[in-house]
Amino acid sequence: SSFRGKTVIITGASRGIGKAIGLRLAQDGANIVIAAKTATPHPKLPGTIYTAADEIELAGGKALPIVVDVRDEQNVQDCVESAVKKFGGIDILINNASAISLTGTLETDMKRYDLMHSINTRGTFLMSKTCIPYLKQGKNAHILNISPPLLMDPRWFANHVAYTMAKFGMSMCVLGMHEELRPHRIGVNALWPLTSIWTAAMDMLSHGEGAAGSRSPQIMADAAYAMLSKNSADYTGNFAIDEDVLRAEGVTNFDQYALDPNAPLTPDFFIPGGYEHHFTTTKERKTSRDTINKELVKGEIGDVLIKMKGLISPELVKNIDATFDFDLTGQISIDSSLNTIVAESSGPSKVYLDLKNQGAIGEGTIPGGADVLFKCSAANFVKMFNGQLSPTTAFMTKKLVIKGNLPKAMKLENLMKKMKK
């Protein structure tokens, strides 16, 4: 089989996605180097490099557990040399180790910032740099980073810029190294999940909430297996999504990966715009697709409000001097901090924009009625504020109903144009 005798270094492989990939390759008889820092059991997370090694051996592979801190240059050097000494070379590197903190700028202390950047970006760079001389000698050599597509969209930065920068750093390694290493026939690619993946770390982060909308790490393992099977001379520089990879391999049953096949799936961060093409149009998939699109619109409304909040100034209030109510169909409920969407309400959502009194935006309506009332779908609200749909066009095509002071409505349209810039 294709990975028998191949040597694979996987960072962060004591649990979760890293371990799942190791187990999948071990079934072919691969040599798996478990490069992770958990040597003694964690109080909240199951598994150590030694328990993972036992599972790899049981699955049919050979295991080498090594305690590695990917931030430490000597540590990484020693790990790579031990792997070469034991197995004779390195064929594949999987940069999976990652630190996460979904916090805004003010809530991210520098210790946490440094941890994310030194593990995610620097650790990936260092591990790759140390393995490359051996990968050049490897058979069908690959580097696979568990990192997202590089989407320069404020939505992916606004709520956790430090984490996004650290993850995008891993993806930038793919962008640069795949071209740099092309002459050496080393494939360098990124893999990212379409949906939330249920791991022990996710369990801890979400306090056990959200398992139902998630898939098991097996989908990432199967996708990684397919990618690493490809010819490294040709297959390089891809920012792949797990489900897309498997669909191309002919997989049609994705319920096998769902923790609860009847629950709507939760989309992961960093997935390109229209989730639409990721889901088949069969009846049983429609609910998942609709939910994911609804989730996407909810996230985008939050982003519009954050963007809008940032534009409010005394000068703007003076210039526009009007109040606006938005009656949105699509059941969206917004947290008062404007940073999170809480739940779906049973009726249409109401958003107000006060550019007359103190300058404010939030959920609800203007007491005593606004100067202008707009009625439209939640999706069209997002399109108008993102410059994809002009309010005039929306009004003419009956996608938007305007009641009240039309000149003041026009003032808002000018503001929307500014937001687009």
Protein backbone atom coordinates (compact mmCIF):
# COMPACT_ATOMS: atom_id res chain seq x y z
CA SER A 1 0.00 0.00 0.00
CA SER A 2 1.09 3.55 -0.69
CA PHE A 3 2.37 4.66 2.73
CA ARG A 4 4.07 1.43 3.87
CA GLY A 5 7.51 2.32 5.21
CA LYS A 6 6.99 6.07 4.62
CA THR A 7 8.09 8.28 7.52
CA VAL A 8 5.66 10.97 8.58
CA ILE A 9 6.29 13.66 11.22
CA ILE A 10 3.05 15.05 12.69
CA THR A 11 3.15 17.93 15.14
CA GLY A 12 0.41 18.03 17.78
CA ALA A 13 -0.39 14.36 17.11
CA SER A 14 -1.18 13.25 20.65
CA ARG A 15 -4.91 13.87 20.03
CA GLY A 16 -7.51 15.34 17.68
CA ILE A 17 -6.91 15.85 13.97
CA GLY A 18 -3.15 15.14 14.17
CA LYS A 19 -3.70 11.76 15.79
CA ALA A 20 -6.54 10.87 13.38
CA ILE A 21 -4.25 11.51 10.38
CA GLY A 22 -1.51 9.43 12.02
CA LEU A 23 -3.89 6.51 12.58
CA ARG A 24 -5.15 6.66 8.97
CA LEU A 25 -1.61 6.51 7.54
CA ALA A 26 -0.63 3.84 10.10
CA GLN A 27 -3.24 1.52 8.58
CA ASP A 28 -0.97 1.37 5.51
CA GLY A 29 2.05 0.61 7.69
CA ALA A 30 3.57 4.12 7.83
CA ASN A 31 6.18 5.21 10.40
CA ILE A 32 4.57 7.96 12.46
CA VAL A 33 6.64 10.42 14.49
CA ILE A 34 4.33 11.85 17.15
CA ALA A 35 5.87 15.25 17.80
CA ALA A 36 3.85 16.82 20.59
CA LYS A 37 4.33 18.26 24.04
CA THR A 38 1.93 16.12 26.07
CA ALA A 39 4.10 13.52 27.83
CA THR A 40 2.02 13.41 31.01
CA PRO A 41 -1.80 13.36 31.02
CA HIS A 42 -3.48 16.78 30.79
CA PRO A 43 -6.09 17.44 33.51
CA LYS A 44 -8.82 18.25 30.93
CA LEU A 45 -7.64 16.65 27.67
CA PRO A 46 -7.23 12.90 27.16
CA GLY A 47 -4.16 11.37 25.52
CA THR A 48 -0.38 11.68 25.55
CA ILE A 49 2.27 11.01 22.91
CA TYR A 50 2.67 7.53 24.46
CA THR A 51 -1.03 6.56 24.35
CA ALA A 52 -1.14 7.87 20.76
CA ALA A 53 1.94 5.74 19.94
CA ASP A 54 0.20 2.62 21.28
CA GLU A 55 -2.84 3.33 19.08
CA ILE A 56 -0.62 3.85 16.01
CA GLU A 57 1.15 0.51 16.59
CA LEU A 58 -2.22 -1.22 17.04
CA ALA A 59 -3.42 0.29 13.74
CA GLY A 60 -0.48 -1.27 11.92
CA GLY A 61 2.12 1.47 11.88
CA LYS A 62 5.41 2.07 13.66
CA ALA A 63 5.46 4.91 16.16
CA LEU A 64 8.13 7.19 17.56
CA PRO A 65 6.76 9.44 20.32
CA ILE A 66 8.95 12.51 20.90
CA VAL A 67 8.30 15.37 23.32
CA VAL A 68 8.62 18.47 21.13
CA ASP A 69 8.03 22.14 21.72
CA VAL A 70 7.82 23.52 18.17
CA ARG A 71 8.96 26.91 19.50
CA ASP A 72 12.35 25.52 20.51
CA GLU A 73 14.91 25.32 17.69
CA GLN A 74 17.17 22.74 19.35
CA ASN A 75 14.16 20.65 20.34
CA VAL A 76 12.90 20.58 16.75
CA GLN A 77 16.38 19.77 15.40
CA ASP A 78 16.70 16.86 17.87
CA CYS A 79 13.25 15.54 16.94
CA VAL A 80 14.01 15.53 13.21
CA GLU A 81 17.41 13.89 13.75
CA SER A 82 15.87 11.19 15.99
CA ALA A 83 13.28 10.46 13.28
CA VAL A 84 15.96 10.13 10.61
CA LYS A 85 18.12 7.98 12.88
CA LYS A 86 15.25 5.60 13.65
CA PHE A 87 13.53 5.41 10.26
CA GLY A 88 16.24 6.44 7.79
CA GLY A 89 14.62 9.58 6.37
CA ILE A 90 11.50 11.78 6.21
CA ASP A 91 8.84 11.64 3.48
CA ILE A 92 6.00 13.74 4.90
CA LEU A 93 5.65 16.60 7.38
CA ILE A 94 2.24 17.55 8.76
CA ASN A 95 2.19 20.90 10.58
CA ASN A 96 -0.86 20.47 12.78
CA ALA A 97 0.22 21.94 16.15
CA SER A 98 -1.73 25.10 16.84
CA ALA A 99 -2.71 27.47 19.64
CA ILE A 100 -6.06 29.28 19.57
CA SER A 101 -7.58 32.25 21.36
CA LEU A 102 -10.70 33.76 19.79
CA THR A 103 -10.25 37.14 21.43
CA GLY A 104 -10.39 40.74 20.23
CA THR A 105 -7.39 43.05 20.32
CA LEU A 106 -7.98 44.41 23.83
CA GLU A 107 -8.76 40.96 25.24
CA THR A 108 -5.61 39.32 23.81
CA ASP A 109 -2.71 39.57 26.23
CA MET A 110 0.73 39.58 24.62
CA LYS A 111 1.71 36.29 26.20
CA ARG A 112 -1.21 34.63 24.36
CA TYR A 113 -0.39 36.56 21.15
CA ASP A 114 3.22 35.35 21.30
CA LEU A 115 2.12 31.77 22.01
CA MET A 116 -0.15 31.68 18.93
CA HIS A 117 2.43 33.23 16.63
CA SER A 118 5.34 31.17 17.91
CA ILE A 119 3.46 27.85 17.67
CA ASN A 120 1.32 28.42 14.58
CA THR A 121 3.42 30.56 12.25
CA ARG A 122 6.96 30.26 13.59
CA GLY A 123 6.60 26.61 14.60
CA THR A 124 5.35 25.69 11.11
CA PHE A 125 8.20 27.62 9.48
CA LEU A 126 10.84 26.12 11.79
CA MET A 127 9.60 22.55 11.45
CA SER A 128 9.43 22.89 7.65
CA LYS A 129 12.89 24.47 7.45
CA THR A 130 14.37 21.64 9.55
CA CYS A 131 12.69 18.86 7.55
CA ILE A 132 13.29 20.22 4.02
CA PRO A 133 16.86 18.84 3.60
CA TYR A 134 15.47 15.34 4.32
CA LEU A 135 12.25 15.83 2.35
CA LYS A 136 14.42 16.59 -0.70
CA GLN A 137 15.62 12.97 -0.45
CA GLY A 138 12.12 11.60 0.35
CA LYS A 139 9.83 9.65 -1.96
CA ASN A 140 6.79 11.66 -3.11
CA ALA A 141 7.57 14.19 -0.38
CA HIS A 142 4.82 16.40 1.02
CA ILE A 143 4.36 19.18 3.57
CA LEU A 144 0.74 19.54 4.68
CA ASN A 145 -0.29 22.45 6.92
CA ILE A 146 -3.61 22.31 8.75
CA SER A 147 -4.42 25.91 7.94
CA PRO A 148 -7.09 27.92 6.10
CA PRO A 149 -7.41 29.45 2.63
CA LEU A 150 -5.92 32.95 2.53
CA LEU A 151 -9.06 35.08 2.38
CA MET A 152 -8.34 38.77 2.94
CA ASP A 153 -11.83 39.48 4.21
CA PRO A 154 -12.37 41.69 7.31
CA ARG A 155 -14.92 39.15 8.52
CA TRP A 156 -12.15 36.67 9.34
CA PHE A 157 -10.05 39.27 11.17
CA ALA A 158 -12.50 41.53 12.98
CA ASN A 159 -13.28 39.37 16.01
CA HIS A 160 -9.90 37.64 16.57
CA VAL A 161 -7.20 39.35 14.54
CA ALA A 162 -4.32 37.80 16.54
CA TYR A 163 -5.49 34.23 15.95
CA THR A 164 -6.28 34.86 12.27
CA MET A 165 -2.83 36.35 11.65
CA ALA A 166 -1.20 33.34 13.31
CA LYS A 167 -3.22 30.82 11.25
CA PHE A 168 -2.78 32.79 8.03
CA GLY A 169 0.97 32.73 8.76
CA MET A 170 0.81 28.94 8.37
CA SER A 171 -1.01 29.38 5.05
CA MET A 172 1.58 31.93 3.90
CA CYS A 173 4.22 29.24 4.44
CA VAL A 174 2.25 27.17 1.88
CA LEU A 175 2.01 30.12 -0.52
CA GLY A 176 5.77 30.76 -0.45
CA MET A 177 7.24 27.30 0.07
CA HIS A 178 5.21 25.50 -2.59
CA GLU A 179 6.80 27.69 -5.26
CA GLU A 180 10.23 27.64 -3.63
CA LEU A 181 10.24 23.83 -3.34
CA ARG A 182 8.63 23.06 -6.70
CA PRO A 183 12.04 22.34 -8.32
CA HIS A 184 12.63 19.72 -5.60
CA ARG A 185 9.27 18.05 -6.32
CA ILE A 186 8.08 18.61 -2.74
CA GLY A 187 4.30 19.22 -2.61
CA VAL A 188 3.28 21.91 -0.12
CA ASN A 189 -0.46 22.22 0.57
CA ALA A 190 -2.98 23.35 3.19
CA LEU A 191 -6.06 21.50 4.41
CA TRP A 192 -8.97 23.02 6.31
CA PRO A 193 -12.37 21.67 7.43
CA LEU A 194 -15.66 22.89 5.96
CA THR A 195 -17.44 22.31 9.27
CA SER A 196 -16.58 22.34 12.93
CA ILE A 197 -14.52 19.23 13.84
CA TRP A 198 -15.25 17.66 17.20
CA THR A 199 -12.05 17.12 19.20
CA ALA A 200 -11.19 17.13 22.90
CA ALA A 201 -9.91 20.69 22.49
CA MET A 202 -13.23 21.78 20.92
CA ASP A 203 -15.05 20.07 23.76
CA MET A 204 -13.03 22.08 26.28
CA LEU A 205 -13.33 25.37 24.32
CA SER A 206 -17.09 25.08 23.95
CA HIS A 207 -17.80 23.48 27.35
CA GLY A 208 -19.29 20.48 25.56
CA GLU A 209 -21.69 22.53 23.42
CA GLY A 210 -21.84 22.07 19.67
CA ALA A 211 -20.88 18.43 19.21
CA ALA A 212 -24.13 17.80 17.29
CA GLY A 213 -23.25 20.21 14.46
CA SER A 214 -19.71 18.85 14.11
CA ARG A 215 -17.96 16.12 12.19
CA SER A 216 -15.36 13.69 13.53
CA PRO A 217 -11.63 14.22 12.82
CA GLN A 218 -11.90 11.19 10.50
CA ILE A 219 -13.00 13.42 7.62
CA MET A 220 -9.76 15.42 7.92
CA ALA A 221 -7.77 12.18 8.14
CA ASP A 222 -9.39 10.77 4.99
CA ALA A 223 -8.89 14.06 3.12
CA ALA A 224 -5.23 14.27 4.21
CA TYR A 225 -4.71 10.66 3.09
CA ALA A 226 -6.11 11.50 -0.37
CA MET A 227 -3.94 14.63 -0.69
CA LEU A 228 -0.74 12.91 0.44
CA SER A 229 -1.38 10.08 -2.06
CA LYS A 230 -1.13 12.53 -4.97
CA ASN A 231 2.02 13.11 -7.01
CA SER A 232 3.97 15.76 -5.08
CA ALA A 233 5.54 17.12 -8.27
CA ASP A 234 2.11 18.16 -9.60
CA TYR A 235 -0.12 18.55 -6.56
CA THR A 236 1.20 21.61 -4.76
CA GLY A 237 0.08 25.07 -3.64
CA ASN A 238 -3.50 24.01 -2.93
CA PHE A 239 -5.65 25.43 -0.15
CA ALA A 240 -8.02 22.50 0.10
CA ILE A 241 -11.30 22.05 2.00
CA ASP A 242 -11.82 18.53 3.41
CA GLU A 243 -15.22 17.92 1.82
CA ASP A 244 -14.10 19.18 -1.62
CA VAL A 245 -11.11 16.81 -1.56
CA LEU A 246 -13.30 13.82 -0.73
CA ARG A 247 -16.02 14.70 -3.25
CA ALA A 248 -13.32 14.73 -5.93
CA GLU A 249 -12.36 11.23 -4.72
CA GLY A 250 -15.94 10.09 -5.27
CA VAL A 251 -17.18 10.18 -1.66
CA THR A 252 -20.91 10.95 -1.52
CA ASN A 253 -21.92 9.89 2.00
CA PHE A 254 -20.81 12.58 4.44
CA ASP A 255 -23.25 11.49 7.14
CA GLN A 256 -20.63 8.87 8.10
CA TYR A 257 -18.53 11.72 9.53
CA ALA A 258 -21.33 13.57 11.33
CA LEU A 259 -21.62 13.21 15.10
CA ASP A 260 -25.36 13.60 14.62
CA PRO A 261 -26.46 13.08 10.98
CA ASN A 262 -29.80 14.83 11.69
CA ALA A 263 -28.30 17.99 13.18
CA PRO A 264 -27.55 21.01 10.96
CA LEU A 265 -23.81 21.41 10.42
CA THR A 266 -21.86 24.27 11.96
CA PRO A 267 -19.58 25.95 9.40
CA ASP A 268 -15.94 26.44 10.34
CA PHE A 269 -14.23 29.84 10.19
CA PHE A 270 -12.36 30.92 7.07
CA ILE A 271 -14.56 29.22 4.48
CA PRO A 272 -14.94 31.16 1.21
CA GLY A 273 -18.17 33.09 0.56
CA GLY A 274 -20.94 30.96 -0.92
CA TYR A 275 -21.03 27.70 0.97
CA GLU A 276 -23.51 26.78 -1.75
CA HIS A 277 -21.12 24.87 -3.98
CA HIS A 278 -19.83 22.78 -1.08
CA PHE A 279 -23.14 21.00 -0.65
CA THR A 280 -25.05 18.82 -3.07
CA THR A 281 -28.58 19.84 -3.92
CA THR A 282 -30.09 16.55 -2.83
CA LYS A 283 -33.03 16.81 -0.47
CA GLU A 284 -31.24 15.41 2.57
CA ARG A 285 -28.38 17.94 2.15
CA LYS A 286 -30.65 20.94 1.69
CA THR A 287 -31.19 21.46 5.41
CA SER A 288 -27.43 21.54 6.04
CA ARG A 289 -26.86 23.96 3.19
CA ASP A 290 -29.67 26.25 4.29
CA THR A 291 -28.40 26.25 7.86
CA ILE A 292 -24.87 27.03 6.77
CA ASN A 293 -26.09 29.87 4.54
CA LYS A 294 -28.20 31.20 7.39
CA GLU A 295 -25.17 31.00 9.71
CA LEU A 296 -23.14 32.85 7.11
CA VAL A 297 -25.73 35.66 6.77
CA LYS A 298 -25.91 35.92 10.58
CA GLY A 299 -22.14 36.32 10.74
CA GLU A 300 -22.17 38.88 7.95
CA ILE A 301 -24.85 40.98 9.66
CA GLY A 302 -22.70 41.06 12.77
CA ASP A 303 -19.78 42.21 10.60
CA VAL A 304 -21.87 44.97 8.96
CA LEU A 305 -22.92 46.27 12.36
CA ILE A 306 -19.35 46.24 13.69
CA LYS A 307 -18.17 48.07 10.55
CA MET A 308 -21.03 50.55 10.88
CA LYS A 309 -20.34 51.13 14.56
CA GLY A 310 -16.75 52.01 13.65
CA LEU A 311 -17.94 54.65 11.15
CA ILE A 312 -20.23 56.50 13.56
CA SER A 313 -18.77 59.89 14.47
CA PRO A 314 -20.13 63.27 15.63
CA GLU A 315 -19.45 64.60 12.11
CA LEU A 316 -21.48 61.80 10.51
CA VAL A 317 -24.39 62.38 12.92
CA LYS A 318 -24.30 66.10 12.06
CA ASN A 319 -24.23 65.41 8.28
CA ILE A 320 -26.96 62.80 8.12
CA ASP A 321 -29.20 63.94 11.00
CA ALA A 322 -31.69 61.08 10.59
CA THR A 323 -32.86 57.85 12.22
CA PHE A 324 -33.42 54.55 10.43
CA ASP A 325 -35.18 51.30 11.25
CA PHE A 326 -34.49 48.05 9.38
CA ASP A 327 -37.10 45.33 9.41
CA LEU A 328 -35.21 42.19 8.35
CA THR A 329 -36.77 38.91 7.41
CA GLY A 330 -34.55 35.95 8.19
CA GLN A 331 -34.76 35.61 11.97
CA ILE A 332 -31.55 37.01 13.32
CA SER A 333 -30.89 37.96 16.92
CA ILE A 334 -27.89 40.17 17.69
CA ASP A 335 -26.03 40.39 20.97
CA SER A 336 -25.97 43.94 22.37
CA SER A 337 -22.17 44.07 22.11
CA LEU A 338 -22.69 43.61 18.33
CA ASN A 339 -19.90 41.09 18.28
CA THR A 340 -21.89 37.90 18.41
CA ILE A 341 -25.09 36.56 17.00
CA VAL A 342 -26.90 34.79 19.79
CA ALA A 343 -29.80 32.83 18.39
CA GLU A 344 -32.53 32.85 15.86
CA SER A 345 -35.60 34.72 17.01
CA SER A 346 -39.02 33.58 15.91
CA GLY A 347 -39.92 36.73 13.96
CA PRO A 348 -38.16 39.19 11.68
CA SER A 349 -35.17 40.96 13.17
CA LYS A 350 -35.19 44.65 13.82
CA VAL A 351 -32.07 46.79 13.64
CA TYR A 352 -31.94 50.55 14.25
CA LEU A 353 -29.42 53.16 13.19
CA ASP A 354 -29.55 56.47 15.04
CA LEU A 355 -27.57 59.17 13.19
CA LYS A 356 -29.46 62.06 14.75
CA ASN A 357 -29.07 62.01 18.51
CA GLN A 358 -25.99 60.38 20.00
CA GLY A 359 -25.09 58.08 17.10
CA ALA A 360 -25.86 54.43 17.82
CA ILE A 361 -26.66 51.13 16.17
CA GLY A 362 -28.21 48.00 17.62
CA GLU A 363 -31.10 45.62 17.78
CA GLY A 364 -34.63 46.95 18.14
CA THR A 365 -36.37 50.08 16.87
CA ILE A 366 -36.09 53.84 17.35
CA PRO A 367 -38.54 54.89 20.13
CA GLY A 368 -41.38 56.92 18.60
CA GLY A 369 -40.53 55.72 15.08
CA ALA A 370 -37.62 56.41 12.73
CA ASP A 371 -37.43 58.94 9.89
CA VAL A 372 -37.07 56.05 7.44
CA LEU A 373 -38.15 52.40 7.63
CA PHE A 374 -36.45 49.87 5.35
CA LYS A 375 -37.89 46.40 4.86
CA CYS A 376 -35.78 43.71 3.17
CA SER A 377 -34.34 40.23 3.65
CA ALA A 378 -31.36 39.76 5.96
CA ALA A 379 -29.27 38.60 2.97
CA ASN A 380 -30.09 41.75 0.96
CA PHE A 381 -29.34 43.95 3.97
CA VAL A 382 -25.81 42.46 3.99
CA LYS A 383 -25.45 42.89 0.21
CA MET A 384 -26.47 46.56 0.38
CA PHE A 385 -24.04 47.39 3.16
CA ASN A 386 -21.24 45.44 1.45
CA GLY A 387 -21.77 47.31 -1.81
CA GLN A 388 -23.01 44.25 -3.74
CA LEU A 389 -26.52 45.66 -4.18
CA SER A 390 -27.45 49.32 -4.59
CA PRO A 391 -30.45 50.36 -2.46
CA THR A 392 -31.89 52.12 -5.55
CA THR A 393 -31.71 48.87 -7.53
CA ALA A 394 -33.13 46.92 -4.59
CA PHE A 395 -35.99 49.41 -4.34
CA MET A 396 -36.71 49.29 -8.10
CA THR A 397 -36.68 45.47 -8.15
CA LYS A 398 -38.96 45.28 -5.08
CA LYS A 399 -36.25 43.71 -2.93
CA LEU A 400 -36.46 46.72 -0.64
CA VAL A 401 -39.47 48.61 0.71
CA ILE A 402 -38.80 52.18 1.88
CA LYS A 403 -41.28 54.11 4.02
CA GLY A 404 -40.77 57.64 5.29
CA ASN A 405 -38.38 60.44 4.32
CA LEU A 406 -36.86 59.55 0.92
CA PRO A 407 -34.17 62.32 0.84
CA LYS A 408 -32.88 60.95 4.16
CA ALA A 409 -32.93 57.45 2.71
CA MET A 410 -30.71 58.78 -0.12
CA LYS A 411 -28.25 60.12 2.46
CA LEU A 412 -27.89 56.63 3.85
CA GLU A 413 -27.22 55.25 0.37
CA ASN A 414 -24.26 57.63 0.07
CA LEU A 415 -22.98 56.34 3.40
CA MET A 416 -23.26 52.74 2.15
CA LYS A 417 -21.10 53.68 -0.84
CA LYS A 418 -18.48 55.02 1.58
CA MET A 419 -18.58 51.77 3.53
CA LYS A 420 -17.80 49.84 0.37
CA LYS A 421 -14.57 51.82 0.03
